[in-house]
Amino acid sequence: MTSDLGFTCARCGARHPELPMNYTAEAPDVWEPAFADAEGCLLSTDQCVVRGQHYFVKGLIEIPVIGSDEVFSWGVWISLSQENFSRASDLWDRPGREAEKPYFGWLTTELPVYPATTLNLKTRVHTRPVGERPFVELQPTDHPLAIEQRTGISLERVREIASVVRHADDDGSSDG
């Protein structure tokens, strides 16, 4: 989803016609290209297994946008126990799966817009109806991402995030 508000990028000064309201990580941070053909490894759009020992699902950290009906979201990867991953996989296409209790997990996506690492933040993964990504609830800590999830962010903050993410690879860093 994108907003038609557009923004002027703080990094490059260019005017962009749409303000992105979501970003997504293609794989958990532990994924390496060499795993693509390795035994015991799998990477799909929703699930990942590394060496038959580490299990991940993709979910959404949703953050309300203050003064708006819109929600900003991060598509992130969460590490689950083998037991919880197996259970989630068994229920993946089953109607009513949203009644499942939340799974504990660890955030395994580094988000470059925060001063402290986002890796290994504690989460609870809430299953949603078939066809919808799980909702990722962060443990209520003083980490800036957890605070934003609880209190919301301004459209100005969404613009700031867009400027950083858009240029994260330009100079090898993601510092604003």
N, C-alpha and C. Protein backbone atom coordinates (compact mmCIF):
# COMPACT_ATOMS: atom_id res chain seq x y z
N MET A 1 0.84 -1.16 0.00
CA MET A 1 0.00 0.00 0.00
C MET A 1 0.89 1.23 0.00
N THR A 2 0.49 2.25 -0.74
CA THR A 2 1.23 3.50 -0.75
C THR A 2 0.26 4.64 -0.56
N SER A 3 0.79 5.72 -0.08
CA SER A 3 -0.02 6.91 0.11
C SER A 3 0.20 7.83 -1.09
N ASP A 4 -0.83 8.59 -1.45
CA ASP A 4 -0.68 9.52 -2.57
C ASP A 4 -0.11 10.85 -2.11
N LEU A 5 0.40 10.91 -0.89
CA LEU A 5 0.92 12.15 -0.35
C LEU A 5 2.26 12.53 -0.94
N GLY A 6 3.00 11.54 -1.40
CA GLY A 6 4.32 11.81 -1.95
C GLY A 6 5.25 12.40 -0.90
N PHE A 7 6.51 12.55 -1.28
CA PHE A 7 7.47 13.14 -0.36
C PHE A 7 8.70 13.60 -1.12
N THR A 8 9.39 14.56 -0.54
CA THR A 8 10.67 15.00 -1.04
C THR A 8 11.73 14.32 -0.19
N CYS A 9 12.58 13.56 -0.84
CA CYS A 9 13.57 12.74 -0.15
C CYS A 9 14.61 13.64 0.53
N ALA A 10 14.82 13.40 1.81
CA ALA A 10 15.80 14.16 2.57
C ALA A 10 17.24 13.83 2.16
N ARG A 11 17.45 12.66 1.56
CA ARG A 11 18.80 12.26 1.17
C ARG A 11 19.19 12.80 -0.20
N CYS A 12 18.28 12.68 -1.19
CA CYS A 12 18.66 13.05 -2.56
C CYS A 12 17.95 14.31 -3.05
N GLY A 13 16.95 14.78 -2.32
CA GLY A 13 16.24 15.98 -2.71
C GLY A 13 15.19 15.78 -3.78
N ALA A 14 15.08 14.56 -4.32
CA ALA A 14 14.10 14.29 -5.38
C ALA A 14 12.69 14.19 -4.80
N ARG A 15 11.74 14.56 -5.62
CA ARG A 15 10.32 14.43 -5.24
C ARG A 15 9.83 13.08 -5.74
N HIS A 16 9.26 12.30 -4.84
CA HIS A 16 8.71 10.99 -5.18
C HIS A 16 7.19 11.08 -5.05
N PRO A 17 6.45 10.61 -6.05
CA PRO A 17 5.00 10.81 -6.08
C PRO A 17 4.22 10.03 -5.03
N GLU A 18 4.80 8.95 -4.51
CA GLU A 18 4.10 8.14 -3.53
C GLU A 18 4.97 7.95 -2.30
N LEU A 19 4.32 7.93 -1.15
CA LEU A 19 5.00 7.66 0.10
C LEU A 19 4.75 6.20 0.46
N PRO A 20 5.75 5.34 0.37
CA PRO A 20 5.54 3.93 0.70
C PRO A 20 5.13 3.76 2.16
N MET A 21 4.13 2.91 2.37
CA MET A 21 3.63 2.66 3.71
C MET A 21 4.03 1.27 4.20
N ASN A 22 4.88 0.59 3.43
CA ASN A 22 5.37 -0.71 3.88
C ASN A 22 6.69 -1.04 3.20
N TYR A 23 7.48 -1.81 3.90
CA TYR A 23 8.75 -2.32 3.39
C TYR A 23 8.82 -3.77 3.81
N THR A 24 9.55 -4.56 3.05
CA THR A 24 9.64 -5.97 3.37
C THR A 24 11.05 -6.51 3.16
N ALA A 25 11.44 -7.41 4.02
CA ALA A 25 12.72 -8.10 3.89
C ALA A 25 12.49 -9.38 3.10
N GLU A 26 13.35 -9.65 2.15
CA GLU A 26 13.20 -10.83 1.30
C GLU A 26 13.55 -12.13 2.02
N ALA A 27 14.42 -12.03 3.04
CA ALA A 27 14.87 -13.23 3.75
C ALA A 27 15.33 -12.83 5.15
N PRO A 28 15.39 -13.79 6.06
CA PRO A 28 15.96 -13.48 7.38
C PRO A 28 17.42 -13.06 7.22
N ASP A 29 17.92 -12.29 8.16
CA ASP A 29 19.30 -11.82 8.07
C ASP A 29 20.33 -12.95 8.05
N VAL A 30 19.98 -14.12 8.56
CA VAL A 30 20.93 -15.23 8.58
C VAL A 30 20.99 -15.97 7.24
N TRP A 31 20.08 -15.68 6.32
CA TRP A 31 20.05 -16.36 5.03
C TRP A 31 21.25 -15.93 4.18
N GLU A 32 21.86 -16.90 3.53
CA GLU A 32 22.96 -16.65 2.60
C GLU A 32 22.60 -17.23 1.25
N PRO A 33 23.01 -16.60 0.15
CA PRO A 33 22.68 -17.12 -1.18
C PRO A 33 23.09 -18.57 -1.38
N ALA A 34 24.17 -19.01 -0.74
CA ALA A 34 24.64 -20.39 -0.88
C ALA A 34 23.62 -21.40 -0.35
N PHE A 35 22.72 -20.95 0.52
CA PHE A 35 21.70 -21.85 1.07
C PHE A 35 20.65 -22.24 0.04
N ALA A 36 20.52 -21.46 -1.03
CA ALA A 36 19.44 -21.68 -2.00
C ALA A 36 19.38 -23.11 -2.52
N ASP A 37 20.54 -23.73 -2.74
CA ASP A 37 20.57 -25.09 -3.27
C ASP A 37 21.04 -26.12 -2.24
N ALA A 38 21.19 -25.68 -1.00
CA ALA A 38 21.72 -26.58 0.03
C ALA A 38 20.62 -27.46 0.62
N GLU A 39 21.03 -28.65 1.00
CA GLU A 39 20.10 -29.59 1.63
C GLU A 39 19.63 -29.02 2.97
N GLY A 40 18.35 -29.20 3.26
CA GLY A 40 17.79 -28.74 4.52
C GLY A 40 17.51 -27.25 4.56
N CYS A 41 17.56 -26.60 3.40
CA CYS A 41 17.32 -25.16 3.33
C CYS A 41 16.15 -24.87 2.40
N LEU A 42 15.36 -23.89 2.78
CA LEU A 42 14.19 -23.48 2.00
C LEU A 42 13.95 -22.01 2.23
N LEU A 43 13.66 -21.29 1.18
CA LEU A 43 13.23 -19.89 1.30
C LEU A 43 12.06 -19.68 0.36
N SER A 44 10.88 -19.45 0.94
CA SER A 44 9.70 -19.09 0.15
C SER A 44 9.31 -17.67 0.55
N THR A 45 8.21 -17.19 0.05
CA THR A 45 7.77 -15.84 0.41
C THR A 45 7.24 -15.76 1.83
N ASP A 46 6.93 -16.91 2.43
CA ASP A 46 6.32 -16.94 3.76
C ASP A 46 7.11 -17.69 4.82
N GLN A 47 7.95 -18.63 4.41
CA GLN A 47 8.64 -19.49 5.36
C GLN A 47 10.09 -19.68 4.93
N CYS A 48 10.91 -19.99 5.92
CA CYS A 48 12.33 -20.23 5.65
C CYS A 48 12.85 -21.27 6.64
N VAL A 49 13.71 -22.16 6.13
CA VAL A 49 14.40 -23.14 6.96
C VAL A 49 15.87 -23.06 6.58
N VAL A 50 16.74 -23.02 7.58
CA VAL A 50 18.18 -22.97 7.36
C VAL A 50 18.80 -24.22 7.98
N ARG A 51 19.38 -25.04 7.10
CA ARG A 51 20.11 -26.26 7.49
C ARG A 51 19.26 -27.20 8.35
N GLY A 52 17.96 -27.17 8.16
CA GLY A 52 17.08 -28.05 8.90
C GLY A 52 17.11 -27.83 10.40
N GLN A 53 17.64 -26.67 10.83
CA GLN A 53 17.80 -26.41 12.26
C GLN A 53 17.20 -25.09 12.72
N HIS A 54 17.00 -24.16 11.79
CA HIS A 54 16.50 -22.83 12.14
C HIS A 54 15.27 -22.56 11.29
N TYR A 55 14.21 -22.08 11.94
CA TYR A 55 12.89 -21.99 11.30
C TYR A 55 12.35 -20.57 11.44
N PHE A 56 11.81 -20.06 10.32
CA PHE A 56 11.36 -18.67 10.28
C PHE A 56 10.03 -18.56 9.55
N VAL A 57 9.22 -17.58 9.98
CA VAL A 57 8.02 -17.20 9.24
C VAL A 57 8.07 -15.69 9.02
N LYS A 58 7.40 -15.27 7.97
CA LYS A 58 7.34 -13.84 7.68
C LYS A 58 6.05 -13.27 8.24
N GLY A 59 6.16 -12.13 8.87
CA GLY A 59 5.00 -11.47 9.44
C GLY A 59 5.11 -9.97 9.30
N LEU A 60 4.13 -9.26 9.84
CA LEU A 60 4.08 -7.81 9.73
C LEU A 60 4.13 -7.15 11.10
N ILE A 61 5.06 -6.23 11.25
CA ILE A 61 5.04 -5.32 12.39
C ILE A 61 4.25 -4.12 11.90
N GLU A 62 3.10 -3.90 12.48
CA GLU A 62 2.23 -2.80 12.05
C GLU A 62 2.32 -1.65 13.04
N ILE A 63 2.42 -0.45 12.49
CA ILE A 63 2.57 0.75 13.31
C ILE A 63 1.50 1.76 12.87
N PRO A 64 0.64 2.19 13.78
CA PRO A 64 -0.38 3.17 13.40
C PRO A 64 0.27 4.50 13.02
N VAL A 65 -0.31 5.17 12.04
CA VAL A 65 0.15 6.50 11.63
C VAL A 65 -0.76 7.51 12.33
N ILE A 66 -0.17 8.31 13.18
CA ILE A 66 -0.91 9.27 13.99
C ILE A 66 -1.66 10.26 13.10
N GLY A 67 -2.93 10.49 13.41
CA GLY A 67 -3.75 11.44 12.66
C GLY A 67 -4.21 10.91 11.32
N SER A 68 -4.14 9.59 11.13
CA SER A 68 -4.48 8.98 9.85
C SER A 68 -5.13 7.63 10.11
N ASP A 69 -5.86 7.15 9.11
CA ASP A 69 -6.41 5.81 9.17
C ASP A 69 -5.41 4.77 8.65
N GLU A 70 -4.26 5.24 8.16
CA GLU A 70 -3.28 4.35 7.55
C GLU A 70 -2.42 3.66 8.61
N VAL A 71 -1.84 2.55 8.20
CA VAL A 71 -0.92 1.79 9.03
C VAL A 71 0.36 1.61 8.23
N PHE A 72 1.48 1.86 8.88
CA PHE A 72 2.78 1.60 8.30
C PHE A 72 3.20 0.20 8.72
N SER A 73 3.81 -0.56 7.82
CA SER A 73 4.20 -1.92 8.21
C SER A 73 5.58 -2.30 7.70
N TRP A 74 6.23 -3.11 8.51
CA TRP A 74 7.50 -3.75 8.17
C TRP A 74 7.22 -5.22 7.95
N GLY A 75 7.57 -5.77 6.77
CA GLY A 75 7.51 -7.21 6.53
C GLY A 75 8.81 -7.81 7.04
N VAL A 76 8.73 -8.57 8.11
CA VAL A 76 9.94 -9.06 8.80
C VAL A 76 9.90 -10.57 8.98
N TRP A 77 11.04 -11.12 9.32
CA TRP A 77 11.17 -12.55 9.58
C TRP A 77 11.34 -12.79 11.06
N ILE A 78 10.65 -13.82 11.53
CA ILE A 78 10.68 -14.19 12.94
C ILE A 78 11.16 -15.63 13.05
N SER A 79 12.11 -15.85 13.94
CA SER A 79 12.61 -17.20 14.22
C SER A 79 11.66 -17.87 15.22
N LEU A 80 11.21 -19.06 14.86
CA LEU A 80 10.33 -19.84 15.73
C LEU A 80 11.03 -21.13 16.14
N SER A 81 10.56 -21.72 17.22
CA SER A 81 11.03 -23.05 17.59
C SER A 81 10.56 -24.03 16.51
N GLN A 82 11.22 -25.18 16.43
CA GLN A 82 10.81 -26.19 15.45
C GLN A 82 9.36 -26.60 15.70
N GLU A 83 8.99 -26.76 16.96
CA GLU A 83 7.63 -27.17 17.31
C GLU A 83 6.60 -26.14 16.83
N ASN A 84 6.85 -24.86 17.09
CA ASN A 84 5.90 -23.83 16.67
C ASN A 84 5.87 -23.66 15.15
N PHE A 85 7.04 -23.80 14.52
CA PHE A 85 7.09 -23.72 13.06
C PHE A 85 6.28 -24.86 12.44
N SER A 86 6.45 -26.06 12.97
CA SER A 86 5.70 -27.22 12.46
C SER A 86 4.21 -27.02 12.64
N ARG A 87 3.82 -26.51 13.80
CA ARG A 87 2.40 -26.26 14.07
C ARG A 87 1.86 -25.21 13.10
N ALA A 88 2.58 -24.11 12.92
CA ALA A 88 2.15 -23.05 12.00
C ALA A 88 2.05 -23.60 10.57
N SER A 89 3.00 -24.44 10.18
CA SER A 89 2.98 -25.03 8.84
C SER A 89 1.78 -25.96 8.67
N ASP A 90 1.48 -26.74 9.70
CA ASP A 90 0.32 -27.65 9.63
C ASP A 90 -0.98 -26.88 9.45
N LEU A 91 -1.06 -25.69 10.01
CA LEU A 91 -2.29 -24.88 9.96
C LEU A 91 -2.29 -23.86 8.82
N TRP A 92 -1.22 -23.80 8.03
CA TRP A 92 -1.01 -22.72 7.07
C TRP A 92 -2.23 -22.45 6.18
N ASP A 93 -2.86 -23.49 5.66
CA ASP A 93 -3.99 -23.33 4.74
C ASP A 93 -5.32 -23.71 5.37
N ARG A 94 -5.36 -23.81 6.68
CA ARG A 94 -6.57 -24.27 7.36
C ARG A 94 -7.43 -23.10 7.82
N PRO A 95 -8.68 -23.01 7.36
CA PRO A 95 -9.59 -21.98 7.85
C PRO A 95 -9.72 -22.09 9.38
N GLY A 96 -9.80 -20.94 10.03
CA GLY A 96 -9.90 -20.91 11.48
C GLY A 96 -8.56 -20.87 12.18
N ARG A 97 -7.47 -20.85 11.41
CA ARG A 97 -6.14 -20.88 12.03
C ARG A 97 -5.89 -19.67 12.93
N GLU A 98 -6.64 -18.60 12.71
CA GLU A 98 -6.44 -17.38 13.51
C GLU A 98 -6.80 -17.58 14.99
N ALA A 99 -7.45 -18.70 15.32
CA ALA A 99 -7.76 -19.01 16.71
C ALA A 99 -6.54 -19.56 17.46
N GLU A 100 -5.48 -19.86 16.72
CA GLU A 100 -4.26 -20.40 17.32
C GLU A 100 -3.66 -19.39 18.30
N LYS A 101 -3.12 -19.89 19.40
CA LYS A 101 -2.45 -18.99 20.35
C LYS A 101 -1.18 -18.44 19.70
N PRO A 102 -0.75 -17.24 20.13
CA PRO A 102 0.47 -16.65 19.54
C PRO A 102 1.69 -17.51 19.82
N TYR A 103 2.64 -17.45 18.89
CA TYR A 103 3.90 -18.15 19.03
C TYR A 103 4.98 -17.17 19.47
N PHE A 104 5.84 -17.60 20.39
CA PHE A 104 7.00 -16.79 20.75
C PHE A 104 8.03 -16.87 19.64
N GLY A 105 8.71 -15.75 19.38
CA GLY A 105 9.77 -15.75 18.38
C GLY A 105 10.74 -14.61 18.58
N TRP A 106 11.81 -14.65 17.79
CA TRP A 106 12.85 -13.62 17.82
C TRP A 106 12.88 -12.92 16.47
N LEU A 107 12.91 -11.61 16.48
CA LEU A 107 13.00 -10.84 15.23
C LEU A 107 14.36 -11.10 14.59
N THR A 108 14.36 -11.49 13.31
CA THR A 108 15.62 -11.78 12.62
C THR A 108 15.78 -10.92 11.37
N THR A 109 15.26 -9.72 11.46
CA THR A 109 15.41 -8.74 10.39
C THR A 109 15.99 -7.47 10.99
N GLU A 110 17.10 -7.02 10.43
CA GLU A 110 17.70 -5.75 10.87
C GLU A 110 17.02 -4.62 10.09
N LEU A 111 16.45 -3.68 10.82
CA LEU A 111 15.80 -2.53 10.19
C LEU A 111 16.73 -1.33 10.34
N PRO A 112 17.21 -0.78 9.21
CA PRO A 112 18.30 0.19 9.24
C PRO A 112 17.95 1.58 9.76
N VAL A 113 16.72 1.81 10.14
CA VAL A 113 16.32 3.16 10.53
C VAL A 113 16.31 3.39 12.04
N TYR A 114 16.78 2.39 12.79
CA TYR A 114 16.78 2.51 14.25
C TYR A 114 18.21 2.57 14.77
N PRO A 115 18.45 3.38 15.81
CA PRO A 115 19.82 3.52 16.33
C PRO A 115 20.34 2.26 17.02
N ALA A 116 19.44 1.43 17.52
CA ALA A 116 19.83 0.17 18.16
C ALA A 116 19.38 -0.98 17.25
N THR A 117 20.11 -2.07 17.29
CA THR A 117 19.77 -3.21 16.44
C THR A 117 18.35 -3.70 16.73
N THR A 118 17.71 -4.17 15.69
CA THR A 118 16.39 -4.78 15.85
C THR A 118 16.49 -6.30 15.90
N LEU A 119 17.67 -6.83 15.66
CA LEU A 119 17.86 -8.28 15.70
C LEU A 119 17.63 -8.80 17.12
N ASN A 120 16.93 -9.92 17.19
CA ASN A 120 16.69 -10.64 18.43
C ASN A 120 15.76 -9.93 19.41
N LEU A 121 14.93 -9.01 18.92
CA LEU A 121 13.89 -8.48 19.79
C LEU A 121 12.87 -9.60 20.00
N LYS A 122 12.32 -9.69 21.20
CA LYS A 122 11.33 -10.72 21.50
C LYS A 122 9.98 -10.34 20.90
N THR A 123 9.30 -11.35 20.35
CA THR A 123 8.02 -11.11 19.69
C THR A 123 7.01 -12.18 20.05
N ARG A 124 5.77 -11.88 19.70
CA ARG A 124 4.70 -12.86 19.69
C ARG A 124 4.08 -12.78 18.31
N VAL A 125 3.97 -13.93 17.66
CA VAL A 125 3.45 -14.01 16.29
C VAL A 125 2.00 -14.47 16.37
N HIS A 126 1.10 -13.59 15.90
CA HIS A 126 -0.33 -13.87 15.93
C HIS A 126 -0.78 -14.31 14.53
N THR A 127 -1.27 -15.52 14.43
CA THR A 127 -1.76 -16.04 13.16
C THR A 127 -3.04 -15.33 12.78
N ARG A 128 -3.19 -15.05 11.51
CA ARG A 128 -4.40 -14.40 10.98
C ARG A 128 -5.09 -15.36 10.02
N PRO A 129 -6.25 -14.97 9.49
CA PRO A 129 -6.95 -15.85 8.55
C PRO A 129 -6.07 -16.22 7.35
N VAL A 130 -6.40 -17.35 6.73
CA VAL A 130 -5.66 -17.84 5.57
C VAL A 130 -5.55 -16.71 4.53
N GLY A 131 -4.34 -16.55 4.00
CA GLY A 131 -4.09 -15.51 3.01
C GLY A 131 -3.56 -14.22 3.59
N GLU A 132 -3.54 -14.10 4.91
CA GLU A 132 -3.03 -12.90 5.56
C GLU A 132 -1.75 -13.24 6.32
N ARG A 133 -0.78 -12.34 6.24
CA ARG A 133 0.47 -12.54 6.98
C ARG A 133 0.21 -12.42 8.48
N PRO A 134 0.96 -13.16 9.26
CA PRO A 134 0.83 -13.04 10.71
C PRO A 134 1.16 -11.62 11.20
N PHE A 135 0.54 -11.24 12.29
CA PHE A 135 0.82 -9.97 12.96
C PHE A 135 1.92 -10.22 13.98
N VAL A 136 2.95 -9.39 13.96
CA VAL A 136 4.08 -9.52 14.88
C VAL A 136 3.95 -8.45 15.96
N GLU A 137 3.79 -8.92 17.18
CA GLU A 137 3.71 -8.03 18.34
C GLU A 137 5.06 -8.04 19.04
N LEU A 138 5.67 -6.87 19.16
CA LEU A 138 6.95 -6.77 19.85
C LEU A 138 6.73 -6.74 21.36
N GLN A 139 7.67 -7.33 22.08
CA GLN A 139 7.63 -7.22 23.53
C GLN A 139 7.68 -5.74 23.88
N PRO A 140 6.87 -5.28 24.82
CA PRO A 140 6.84 -3.84 25.14
C PRO A 140 8.08 -3.41 25.93
N THR A 141 9.13 -3.08 25.19
CA THR A 141 10.38 -2.62 25.79
C THR A 141 10.58 -1.15 25.46
N ASP A 142 11.77 -0.64 25.79
CA ASP A 142 12.07 0.75 25.46
C ASP A 142 12.80 0.87 24.12
N HIS A 143 12.85 -0.21 23.34
CA HIS A 143 13.45 -0.13 22.00
C HIS A 143 12.57 0.81 21.16
N PRO A 144 13.19 1.70 20.36
CA PRO A 144 12.40 2.64 19.56
C PRO A 144 11.34 1.99 18.67
N LEU A 145 11.63 0.82 18.11
CA LEU A 145 10.65 0.13 17.27
C LEU A 145 9.44 -0.31 18.10
N ALA A 146 9.69 -0.84 19.28
CA ALA A 146 8.60 -1.27 20.16
C ALA A 146 7.77 -0.07 20.61
N ILE A 147 8.43 1.03 20.90
CA ILE A 147 7.71 2.25 21.29
C ILE A 147 6.84 2.73 20.14
N GLU A 148 7.39 2.74 18.92
CA GLU A 148 6.60 3.17 17.75
C GLU A 148 5.40 2.26 17.54
N GLN A 149 5.56 0.96 17.73
CA GLN A 149 4.42 0.06 17.55
C GLN A 149 3.32 0.38 18.57
N ARG A 150 3.70 0.73 19.77
CA ARG A 150 2.72 1.03 20.82
C ARG A 150 2.08 2.41 20.66
N THR A 151 2.87 3.41 20.25
CA THR A 151 2.38 4.79 20.27
C THR A 151 2.07 5.38 18.91
N GLY A 152 2.56 4.75 17.85
CA GLY A 152 2.33 5.26 16.50
C GLY A 152 3.46 6.17 16.04
N ILE A 153 3.40 6.52 14.75
CA ILE A 153 4.39 7.42 14.16
C ILE A 153 3.69 8.47 13.33
N SER A 154 4.37 9.58 13.12
CA SER A 154 3.83 10.67 12.31
C SER A 154 4.11 10.41 10.84
N LEU A 155 3.41 11.12 9.97
CA LEU A 155 3.72 11.03 8.53
C LEU A 155 5.13 11.53 8.26
N GLU A 156 5.60 12.47 9.06
CA GLU A 156 6.98 12.94 8.89
C GLU A 156 7.96 11.81 9.17
N ARG A 157 7.68 10.99 10.16
CA ARG A 157 8.53 9.83 10.45
C ARG A 157 8.49 8.83 9.30
N VAL A 158 7.32 8.63 8.69
CA VAL A 158 7.22 7.74 7.53
C VAL A 158 8.09 8.28 6.41
N ARG A 159 8.09 9.59 6.20
CA ARG A 159 8.94 10.21 5.17
C ARG A 159 10.42 10.00 5.49
N GLU A 160 10.77 10.14 6.76
CA GLU A 160 12.16 9.93 7.19
C GLU A 160 12.59 8.48 6.92
N ILE A 161 11.72 7.54 7.25
CA ILE A 161 12.01 6.12 6.99
C ILE A 161 12.20 5.90 5.50
N ALA A 162 11.31 6.47 4.69
CA ALA A 162 11.40 6.31 3.23
C ALA A 162 12.73 6.81 2.70
N SER A 163 13.18 7.95 3.19
CA SER A 163 14.46 8.51 2.74
C SER A 163 15.62 7.60 3.09
N VAL A 164 15.61 7.03 4.28
CA VAL A 164 16.71 6.14 4.71
C VAL A 164 16.66 4.83 3.94
N VAL A 165 15.50 4.19 3.88
CA VAL A 165 15.39 2.88 3.23
C VAL A 165 15.70 2.99 1.75
N ARG A 166 15.22 4.03 1.11
CA ARG A 166 15.42 4.22 -0.32
C ARG A 166 16.91 4.29 -0.68
N HIS A 167 17.73 4.78 0.24
CA HIS A 167 19.14 4.98 -0.03
C HIS A 167 20.06 4.10 0.84
N ALA A 168 19.51 3.07 1.42
CA ALA A 168 20.28 2.23 2.35
C ALA A 168 21.52 1.63 1.71
N ASP A 169 21.47 1.33 0.42
CA ASP A 169 22.61 0.69 -0.24
C ASP A 169 23.44 1.65 -1.09
N ASP A 170 23.07 2.92 -1.13
CA ASP A 170 23.77 3.88 -1.99
C ASP A 170 25.25 4.03 -1.64
N ASP A 171 25.53 4.13 -0.34
CA ASP A 171 26.91 4.36 0.05
C ASP A 171 27.44 3.30 1.00
N GLY A 172 26.73 2.16 1.03
CA GLY A 172 27.17 1.08 1.87
C GLY A 172 26.74 1.21 3.32
N SER A 173 26.00 2.29 3.63
CA SER A 173 25.50 2.45 4.99
C SER A 173 24.05 2.86 4.94
N SER A 174 23.41 2.84 6.07
CA SER A 174 22.02 3.25 6.12
C SER A 174 21.84 4.38 7.12
N ASP A 175 22.92 5.05 7.46
CA ASP A 175 22.83 6.16 8.41
C ASP A 175 22.16 7.35 7.75
N GLY A 176 21.34 8.04 8.51
CA GLY A 176 20.62 9.21 7.99
C GLY A 176 21.51 10.37 8.00
